[in-house]
Amino acid sequence: MILALISSNSRREIAAFGKVNFRDKNIIFGFGAATASFVFFFTLGYASRVLLPFFKKPISWKILEIFIGFLMMFLAFLLLFSKI
């Protein structure tokens, strides 16, 4: 049952993505992807230096793991109860 839901949802997303046409805008798309990648990794490196003192404490990791757990549960419920 779950496999059928996952399979049908991915087919719908692939079909929707297949309608997007980037043939005329390949250079712009590539530039945007490269820029987004650079900004993401630059921010990740800078944030790691700034947050280093905070994450030296073990309680900080527990708070982060709890936050990520709640976020994943929230997203799972959104997907479970969505009417797509």
PDB file of N, CA and C in Angstrom:
ATOM      1  N   MET A   1       0.823  -1.192   0.000  1.00  0.00           N
ATOM      2  CA  MET A   1       0.000   0.000   0.000  1.00  0.00           C
ATOM      3  C   MET A   1       0.867   1.255   0.000  1.00  0.00           C
ATOM      4  N   ILE A   2       1.838   1.317   0.916  1.00  0.00           N
ATOM      5  CA  ILE A   2       2.707   2.490   0.990  1.00  0.00           C
ATOM      6  C   ILE A   2       3.532   2.614  -0.280  1.00  0.00           C
ATOM      7  N   LEU A   3       4.012   1.488  -0.794  1.00  0.00           N
ATOM      8  CA  LEU A   3       4.788   1.519  -2.032  1.00  0.00           C
ATOM      9  C   LEU A   3       3.954   2.060  -3.175  1.00  0.00           C
ATOM     10  N   ALA A   4       2.694   1.731  -3.224  1.00  0.00           N
ATOM     11  CA  ALA A   4       1.820   2.242  -4.274  1.00  0.00           C
ATOM     12  C   ALA A   4       1.643   3.758  -4.156  1.00  0.00           C
ATOM     13  N   LEU A   5       1.518   4.260  -2.929  1.00  0.00           N
ATOM     14  CA  LEU A   5       1.381   5.701  -2.735  1.00  0.00           C
ATOM     15  C   LEU A   5       2.654   6.438  -3.138  1.00  0.00           C
ATOM     16  N   ILE A   6       3.807   5.896  -2.754  1.00  0.00           N
ATOM     17  CA  ILE A   6       5.076   6.522  -3.101  1.00  0.00           C
ATOM     18  C   ILE A   6       5.270   6.501  -4.613  1.00  0.00           C
ATOM     19  N   SER A   7       4.951   5.390  -5.220  1.00  0.00           N
ATOM     20  CA  SER A   7       5.121   5.243  -6.668  1.00  0.00           C
ATOM     21  C   SER A   7       4.216   6.195  -7.425  1.00  0.00           C
ATOM     22  N   SER A   8       2.971   6.318  -7.037  1.00  0.00           N
ATOM     23  CA  SER A   8       2.047   7.192  -7.763  1.00  0.00           C
ATOM     24  C   SER A   8       2.413   8.655  -7.580  1.00  0.00           C
ATOM     25  N   ASN A   9       2.883   9.026  -6.396  1.00  0.00           N
ATOM     26  CA  ASN A   9       3.255  10.411  -6.152  1.00  0.00           C
ATOM     27  C   ASN A   9       4.481  10.791  -6.968  1.00  0.00           C
ATOM     28  N   SER A  10       5.477   9.923  -7.053  1.00  0.00           N
ATOM     29  CA  SER A  10       6.685  10.260  -7.803  1.00  0.00           C
ATOM     30  C   SER A  10       6.389  10.369  -9.288  1.00  0.00           C
ATOM     31  N   ARG A  11       5.483   9.557  -9.804  1.00  0.00           N
ATOM     32  CA  ARG A  11       5.125   9.662 -11.213  1.00  0.00           C
ATOM     33  C   ARG A  11       4.491  11.010 -11.510  1.00  0.00           C
ATOM     34  N   ARG A  12       3.678  11.486 -10.610  1.00  0.00           N
ATOM     35  CA  ARG A  12       3.015  12.774 -10.790  1.00  0.00           C
ATOM     36  C   ARG A  12       4.046  13.909 -10.799  1.00  0.00           C
ATOM     37  N   GLU A  13       5.028  13.836  -9.887  1.00  0.00           N
ATOM     38  CA  GLU A  13       6.049  14.878  -9.834  1.00  0.00           C
ATOM     39  C   GLU A  13       6.926  14.842 -11.075  1.00  0.00           C
ATOM     40  N   ILE A  14       7.291  13.671 -11.536  1.00  0.00           N
ATOM     41  CA  ILE A  14       8.112  13.555 -12.739  1.00  0.00           C
ATOM     42  C   ILE A  14       7.358  14.075 -13.952  1.00  0.00           C
ATOM     43  N   ALA A  15       6.077  13.793 -14.028  1.00  0.00           N
ATOM     44  CA  ALA A  15       5.278  14.281 -15.154  1.00  0.00           C
ATOM     45  C   ALA A  15       5.186  15.800 -15.128  1.00  0.00           C
ATOM     46  N   ALA A  16       5.049  16.380 -13.944  1.00  0.00           N
ATOM     47  CA  ALA A  16       4.974  17.837 -13.843  1.00  0.00           C
ATOM     48  C   ALA A  16       6.312  18.468 -14.188  1.00  0.00           C
ATOM     49  N   PHE A  17       7.410  17.844 -13.773  1.00  0.00           N
ATOM     50  CA  PHE A  17       8.732  18.396 -14.067  1.00  0.00           C
ATOM     51  C   PHE A  17       9.071  18.227 -15.540  1.00  0.00           C
ATOM     52  N   GLY A  18       8.548  17.206 -16.176  1.00  0.00           N
ATOM     53  CA  GLY A  18       8.834  16.968 -17.585  1.00  0.00           C
ATOM     54  C   GLY A  18       8.251  18.028 -18.496  1.00  0.00           C
ATOM     55  N   LYS A  19       7.267  18.790 -18.019  1.00  0.00           N
ATOM     56  CA  LYS A  19       6.649  19.834 -18.836  1.00  0.00           C
ATOM     57  C   LYS A  19       7.469  21.116 -18.868  1.00  0.00           C
ATOM     58  N   VAL A  20       8.442  21.243 -17.990  1.00  0.00           N
ATOM     59  CA  VAL A  20       9.278  22.438 -17.959  1.00  0.00           C
ATOM     60  C   VAL A  20      10.286  22.358 -19.093  1.00  0.00           C
ATOM     61  N   ASN A  21      10.419  23.437 -19.842  1.00  0.00           N
ATOM     62  CA  ASN A  21      11.316  23.456 -20.992  1.00  0.00           C
ATOM     63  C   ASN A  21      12.451  24.439 -20.739  1.00  0.00           C
ATOM     64  N   PHE A  22      13.670  23.911 -20.618  1.00  0.00           N
ATOM     65  CA  PHE A  22      14.843  24.748 -20.376  1.00  0.00           C
ATOM     66  C   PHE A  22      15.756  24.824 -21.595  1.00  0.00           C
ATOM     67  N   ARG A  23      15.309  24.392 -22.752  1.00  0.00           N
ATOM     68  CA  ARG A  23      16.195  24.346 -23.920  1.00  0.00           C
ATOM     69  C   ARG A  23      16.751  25.713 -24.282  1.00  0.00           C
ATOM     70  N   ASP A  24      15.914  26.723 -24.194  1.00  0.00           N
ATOM     71  CA  ASP A  24      16.357  28.061 -24.581  1.00  0.00           C
ATOM     72  C   ASP A  24      17.112  28.775 -23.475  1.00  0.00           C
ATOM     73  N   LYS A  25      17.031  28.261 -22.278  1.00  0.00           N
ATOM     74  CA  LYS A  25      17.608  28.969 -21.137  1.00  0.00           C
ATOM     75  C   LYS A  25      18.636  28.129 -20.393  1.00  0.00           C
ATOM     76  N   ASN A  26      19.364  27.280 -21.087  1.00  0.00           N
ATOM     77  CA  ASN A  26      20.345  26.409 -20.432  1.00  0.00           C
ATOM     78  C   ASN A  26      21.444  27.193 -19.745  1.00  0.00           C
ATOM     79  N   ILE A  27      21.937  28.240 -20.364  1.00  0.00           N
ATOM     80  CA  ILE A  27      23.034  29.016 -19.784  1.00  0.00           C
ATOM     81  C   ILE A  27      22.557  29.730 -18.521  1.00  0.00           C
ATOM     82  N   ILE A  28      21.371  30.316 -18.582  1.00  0.00           N
ATOM     83  CA  ILE A  28      20.837  31.004 -17.410  1.00  0.00           C
ATOM     84  C   ILE A  28      20.587  30.016 -16.276  1.00  0.00           C
ATOM     85  N   PHE A  29      20.039  28.856 -16.606  1.00  0.00           N
ATOM     86  CA  PHE A  29      19.783  27.831 -15.602  1.00  0.00           C
ATOM     87  C   PHE A  29      21.097  27.359 -14.970  1.00  0.00           C
ATOM     88  N   GLY A  30      22.110  27.115 -15.779  1.00  0.00           N
ATOM     89  CA  GLY A  30      23.407  26.677 -15.267  1.00  0.00           C
ATOM     90  C   GLY A  30      24.053  27.725 -14.381  1.00  0.00           C
ATOM     91  N   PHE A  31      23.966  28.990 -14.789  1.00  0.00           N
ATOM     92  CA  PHE A  31      24.521  30.073 -13.982  1.00  0.00           C
ATOM     93  C   PHE A  31      23.795  30.174 -12.649  1.00  0.00           C
ATOM     94  N   GLY A  32      22.471  30.051 -12.668  1.00  0.00           N
ATOM     95  CA  GLY A  32      21.704  30.108 -11.427  1.00  0.00           C
ATOM     96  C   GLY A  32      22.027  28.942 -10.498  1.00  0.00           C
ATOM     97  N   ALA A  33      22.183  27.748 -11.069  1.00  0.00           N
ATOM     98  CA  ALA A  33      22.514  26.573 -10.262  1.00  0.00           C
ATOM     99  C   ALA A  33      23.907  26.713  -9.643  1.00  0.00           C
ATOM    100  N   ALA A  34      24.862  27.200 -10.417  1.00  0.00           N
ATOM    101  CA  ALA A  34      26.220  27.386  -9.903  1.00  0.00           C
ATOM    102  C   ALA A  34      26.252  28.462  -8.817  1.00  0.00           C
ATOM    103  N   THR A  35      25.514  29.532  -9.023  1.00  0.00           N
ATOM    104  CA  THR A  35      25.461  30.605  -8.031  1.00  0.00           C
ATOM    105  C   THR A  35      24.816  30.120  -6.733  1.00  0.00           C
ATOM    106  N   ALA A  36      23.721  29.388  -6.851  1.00  0.00           N
ATOM    107  CA  ALA A  36      23.047  28.858  -5.659  1.00  0.00           C
ATOM    108  C   ALA A  36      23.956  27.898  -4.898  1.00  0.00           C
ATOM    109  N   SER A  37      24.708  27.076  -5.618  1.00  0.00           N
ATOM    110  CA  SER A  37      25.629  26.142  -4.980  1.00  0.00           C
ATOM    111  C   SER A  37      26.728  26.896  -4.233  1.00  0.00           C
ATOM    112  N   PHE A  38      27.288  27.921  -4.872  1.00  0.00           N
ATOM    113  CA  PHE A  38      28.340  28.713  -4.232  1.00  0.00           C
ATOM    114  C   PHE A  38      27.819  29.390  -2.970  1.00  0.00           C
ATOM    115  N   VAL A  39      26.653  30.012  -3.054  1.00  0.00           N
ATOM    116  CA  VAL A  39      26.083  30.702  -1.897  1.00  0.00           C
ATOM    117  C   VAL A  39      25.797  29.714  -0.772  1.00  0.00           C
ATOM    118  N   PHE A  40      25.262  28.539  -1.117  1.00  0.00           N
ATOM    119  CA  PHE A  40      24.951  27.537  -0.095  1.00  0.00           C
ATOM    120  C   PHE A  40      26.214  27.089   0.638  1.00  0.00           C
ATOM    121  N   PHE A  41      27.256  26.723  -0.093  1.00  0.00           N
ATOM    122  CA  PHE A  41      28.459  26.211   0.565  1.00  0.00           C
ATOM    123  C   PHE A  41      29.232  27.314   1.281  1.00  0.00           C
ATOM    124  N   PHE A  42      29.209  28.529   0.763  1.00  0.00           N
ATOM    125  CA  PHE A  42      29.837  29.647   1.456  1.00  0.00           C
ATOM    126  C   PHE A  42      29.137  29.904   2.783  1.00  0.00           C
ATOM    127  N   THR A  43      27.806  29.907   2.772  1.00  0.00           N
ATOM    128  CA  THR A  43      27.031  30.125   3.991  1.00  0.00           C
ATOM    129  C   THR A  43      27.231  28.980   4.977  1.00  0.00           C
ATOM    130  N   LEU A  44      27.298  27.764   4.470  1.00  0.00           N
ATOM    131  CA  LEU A  44      27.523  26.602   5.328  1.00  0.00           C
ATOM    132  C   LEU A  44      28.875  26.710   6.047  1.00  0.00           C
ATOM    133  N   GLY A  45      29.905  27.094   5.323  1.00  0.00           N
ATOM    134  CA  GLY A  45      31.225  27.253   5.938  1.00  0.00           C
ATOM    135  C   GLY A  45      31.267  28.378   6.951  1.00  0.00           C
ATOM    136  N   TYR A  46      30.648  29.510   6.617  1.00  0.00           N
ATOM    137  CA  TYR A  46      30.637  30.646   7.533  1.00  0.00           C
ATOM    138  C   TYR A  46      29.818  30.331   8.781  1.00  0.00           C
ATOM    139  N   ALA A  47      28.668  29.697   8.602  1.00  0.00           N
ATOM    140  CA  ALA A  47      27.809  29.369   9.735  1.00  0.00           C
ATOM    141  C   ALA A  47      28.485  28.357  10.664  1.00  0.00           C
ATOM    142  N   SER A  48      29.272  27.443  10.108  1.00  0.00           N
ATOM    143  CA  SER A  48      29.951  26.464  10.962  1.00  0.00           C
ATOM    144  C   SER A  48      30.968  27.146  11.873  1.00  0.00           C
ATOM    145  N   ARG A  49      31.612  28.175  11.381  1.00  0.00           N
ATOM    146  CA  ARG A  49      32.578  28.901  12.217  1.00  0.00           C
ATOM    147  C   ARG A  49      31.855  29.699  13.305  1.00  0.00           C
ATOM    148  N   VAL A  50      30.738  30.290  12.949  1.00  0.00           N
ATOM    149  CA  VAL A  50      29.990  31.103  13.915  1.00  0.00           C
ATOM    150  C   VAL A  50      29.336  30.228  14.984  1.00  0.00           C
ATOM    151  N   LEU A  51      28.825  29.052  14.596  1.00  0.00           N
ATOM    152  CA  LEU A  51      28.096  28.187  15.521  1.00  0.00           C
ATOM    153  C   LEU A  51      28.977  27.191  16.273  1.00  0.00           C
ATOM    154  N   LEU A  52      30.285  27.225  16.043  1.00  0.00           N
ATOM    155  CA  LEU A  52      31.193  26.280  16.692  1.00  0.00           C
ATOM    156  C   LEU A  52      31.098  26.329  18.217  1.00  0.00           C
ATOM    157  N   PRO A  53      31.120  27.501  18.845  1.00  0.00           N
ATOM    158  CA  PRO A  53      31.022  27.508  20.317  1.00  0.00           C
ATOM    159  C   PRO A  53      29.687  26.949  20.824  1.00  0.00           C
ATOM    160  N   PHE A  54      28.622  27.173  20.083  1.00  0.00           N
ATOM    161  CA  PHE A  54      27.309  26.684  20.496  1.00  0.00           C
ATOM    162  C   PHE A  54      27.236  25.165  20.448  1.00  0.00           C
ATOM    163  N   PHE A  55      27.801  24.558  19.423  1.00  0.00           N
ATOM    164  CA  PHE A  55      27.694  23.109  19.258  1.00  0.00           C
ATOM    165  C   PHE A  55      28.791  22.328  19.976  1.00  0.00           C
ATOM    166  N   LYS A  56      29.586  22.977  20.786  1.00  0.00           N
ATOM    167  CA  LYS A  56      30.537  22.244  21.632  1.00  0.00           C
ATOM    168  C   LYS A  56      29.833  21.607  22.825  1.00  0.00           C
ATOM    169  N   LYS A  57      28.634  22.098  23.143  1.00  0.00           N
ATOM    170  CA  LYS A  57      27.865  21.559  24.264  1.00  0.00           C
ATOM    171  C   LYS A  57      27.005  20.398  23.774  1.00  0.00           C
ATOM    172  N   PRO A  58      26.978  19.288  24.518  1.00  0.00           N
ATOM    173  CA  PRO A  58      26.165  18.131  24.090  1.00  0.00           C
ATOM    174  C   PRO A  58      24.664  18.419  24.031  1.00  0.00           C
ATOM    175  N   ILE A  59      24.175  19.314  24.882  1.00  0.00           N
ATOM    176  CA  ILE A  59      22.742  19.626  24.880  1.00  0.00           C
ATOM    177  C   ILE A  59      22.330  20.289  23.567  1.00  0.00           C
ATOM    178  N   SER A  60      23.236  21.013  22.937  1.00  0.00           N
ATOM    179  CA  SER A  60      22.931  21.665  21.670  1.00  0.00           C
ATOM    180  C   SER A  60      22.614  20.636  20.588  1.00  0.00           C
ATOM    181  N   TRP A  61      23.360  19.539  20.574  1.00  0.00           N
ATOM    182  CA  TRP A  61      23.108  18.485  19.588  1.00  0.00           C
ATOM    183  C   TRP A  61      21.769  17.818  19.834  1.00  0.00           C
ATOM    184  N   LYS A  62      21.412  17.640  21.109  1.00  0.00           N
ATOM    185  CA  LYS A  62      20.107  17.047  21.420  1.00  0.00           C
ATOM    186  C   LYS A  62      18.964  17.957  20.967  1.00  0.00           C
ATOM    187  N   ILE A  63      19.123  19.262  21.203  1.00  0.00           N
ATOM    188  CA  ILE A  63      18.105  20.220  20.762  1.00  0.00           C
ATOM    189  C   ILE A  63      17.978  20.193  19.239  1.00  0.00           C
ATOM    190  N   LEU A  64      19.105  20.152  18.547  1.00  0.00           N
ATOM    191  CA  LEU A  64      19.080  20.096  17.083  1.00  0.00           C
ATOM    192  C   LEU A  64      18.398  18.831  16.584  1.00  0.00           C
ATOM    193  N   GLU A  65      18.706  17.692  17.204  1.00  0.00           N
ATOM    194  CA  GLU A  65      18.100  16.425  16.790  1.00  0.00           C
ATOM    195  C   GLU A  65      16.598  16.405  17.062  1.00  0.00           C
ATOM    196  N   ILE A  66      16.180  16.972  18.177  1.00  0.00           N
ATOM    197  CA  ILE A  66      14.746  17.049  18.477  1.00  0.00           C
ATOM    198  C   ILE A  66      14.043  17.957  17.476  1.00  0.00           C
ATOM    199  N   PHE A  67      14.645  19.081  17.164  1.00  0.00           N
ATOM    200  CA  PHE A  67      14.071  20.001  16.182  1.00  0.00           C
ATOM    201  C   PHE A  67      13.927  19.329  14.811  1.00  0.00           C
ATOM    202  N   ILE A  68      14.958  18.629  14.375  1.00  0.00           N
ATOM    203  CA  ILE A  68      14.906  17.939  13.083  1.00  0.00           C
ATOM    204  C   ILE A  68      13.853  16.832  13.114  1.00  0.00           C
ATOM    205  N   GLY A  69      13.736  16.128  14.235  1.00  0.00           N
ATOM    206  CA  GLY A  69      12.707  15.098  14.367  1.00  0.00           C
ATOM    207  C   GLY A  69      11.307  15.670  14.247  1.00  0.00           C
ATOM    208  N   PHE A  70      11.049  16.785  14.937  1.00  0.00           N
ATOM    209  CA  PHE A  70       9.732  17.422  14.825  1.00  0.00           C
ATOM    210  C   PHE A  70       9.477  17.927  13.404  1.00  0.00           C
ATOM    211  N   LEU A  71      10.487  18.474  12.781  1.00  0.00           N
ATOM    212  CA  LEU A  71      10.344  18.954  11.411  1.00  0.00           C
ATOM    213  C   LEU A  71      10.004  17.811  10.457  1.00  0.00           C
ATOM    214  N   MET A  72      10.676  16.685  10.615  1.00  0.00           N
ATOM    215  CA  MET A  72      10.399  15.536   9.752  1.00  0.00           C
ATOM    216  C   MET A  72       9.003  14.973  10.011  1.00  0.00           C
ATOM    217  N   MET A  73       8.580  14.930  11.261  1.00  0.00           N
ATOM    218  CA  MET A  73       7.227  14.470  11.560  1.00  0.00           C
ATOM    219  C   MET A  73       6.184  15.418  10.974  1.00  0.00           C
ATOM    220  N   PHE A  74       6.432  16.717  11.073  1.00  0.00           N
ATOM    221  CA  PHE A  74       5.522  17.707  10.502  1.00  0.00           C
ATOM    222  C   PHE A  74       5.403  17.522   8.993  1.00  0.00           C
ATOM    223  N   LEU A  75       6.536  17.359   8.310  1.00  0.00           N
ATOM    224  CA  LEU A  75       6.508  17.145   6.864  1.00  0.00           C
ATOM    225  C   LEU A  75       5.828  15.836   6.499  1.00  0.00           C
ATOM    226  N   ALA A  76       6.038  14.800   7.311  1.00  0.00           N
ATOM    227  CA  ALA A  76       5.382  13.514   7.054  1.00  0.00           C
ATOM    228  C   ALA A  76       3.872  13.645   7.176  1.00  0.00           C
ATOM    229  N   PHE A  77       3.398  14.363   8.188  1.00  0.00           N
ATOM    230  CA  PHE A  77       1.956  14.553   8.330  1.00  0.00           C
ATOM    231  C   PHE A  77       1.396  15.421   7.212  1.00  0.00           C
ATOM    232  N   LEU A  78       2.149  16.419   6.781  1.00  0.00           N
ATOM    233  CA  LEU A  78       1.688  17.228   5.649  1.00  0.00           C
ATOM    234  C   LEU A  78       1.519  16.351   4.401  1.00  0.00           C
ATOM    235  N   LEU A  79       2.486  15.494   4.154  1.00  0.00           N
ATOM    236  CA  LEU A  79       2.379  14.611   2.997  1.00  0.00           C
ATOM    237  C   LEU A  79       1.270  13.581   3.172  1.00  0.00           C
ATOM    238  N   LEU A  80       1.097  13.100   4.386  1.00  0.00           N
ATOM    239  CA  LEU A  80       0.077  12.093   4.652  1.00  0.00           C
ATOM    240  C   LEU A  80      -1.329  12.636   4.442  1.00  0.00           C
ATOM    241  N   PHE A  81      -1.562  13.857   4.864  1.00  0.00           N
ATOM    242  CA  PHE A  81      -2.897  14.425   4.802  1.00  0.00           C
ATOM    243  C   PHE A  81      -3.105  15.400   3.647  1.00  0.00           C
ATOM    244  N   SER A  82      -2.167  15.510   2.735  1.00  0.00           N
ATOM    245  CA  SER A  82      -2.357  16.391   1.586  1.00  0.00           C
ATOM    246  C   SER A  82      -3.302  15.740   0.589  1.00  0.00           C
ATOM    247  N   LYS A  83      -3.967  16.544  -0.182  1.00  0.00           N
ATOM    248  CA  LYS A  83      -4.957  16.028  -1.141  1.00  0.00           C
ATOM    249  C   LYS A  83      -4.448  16.150  -2.559  1.00  0.00           C
ATOM    250  N   ILE A  84      -3.221  15.796  -2.769  1.00  0.00           N
ATOM    251  CA  ILE A  84      -2.640  15.840  -4.122  1.00  0.00           C
ATOM    252  C   ILE A  84      -2.943  14.551  -4.825  1.00  0.00           C
TER     253      ILE A  84
END
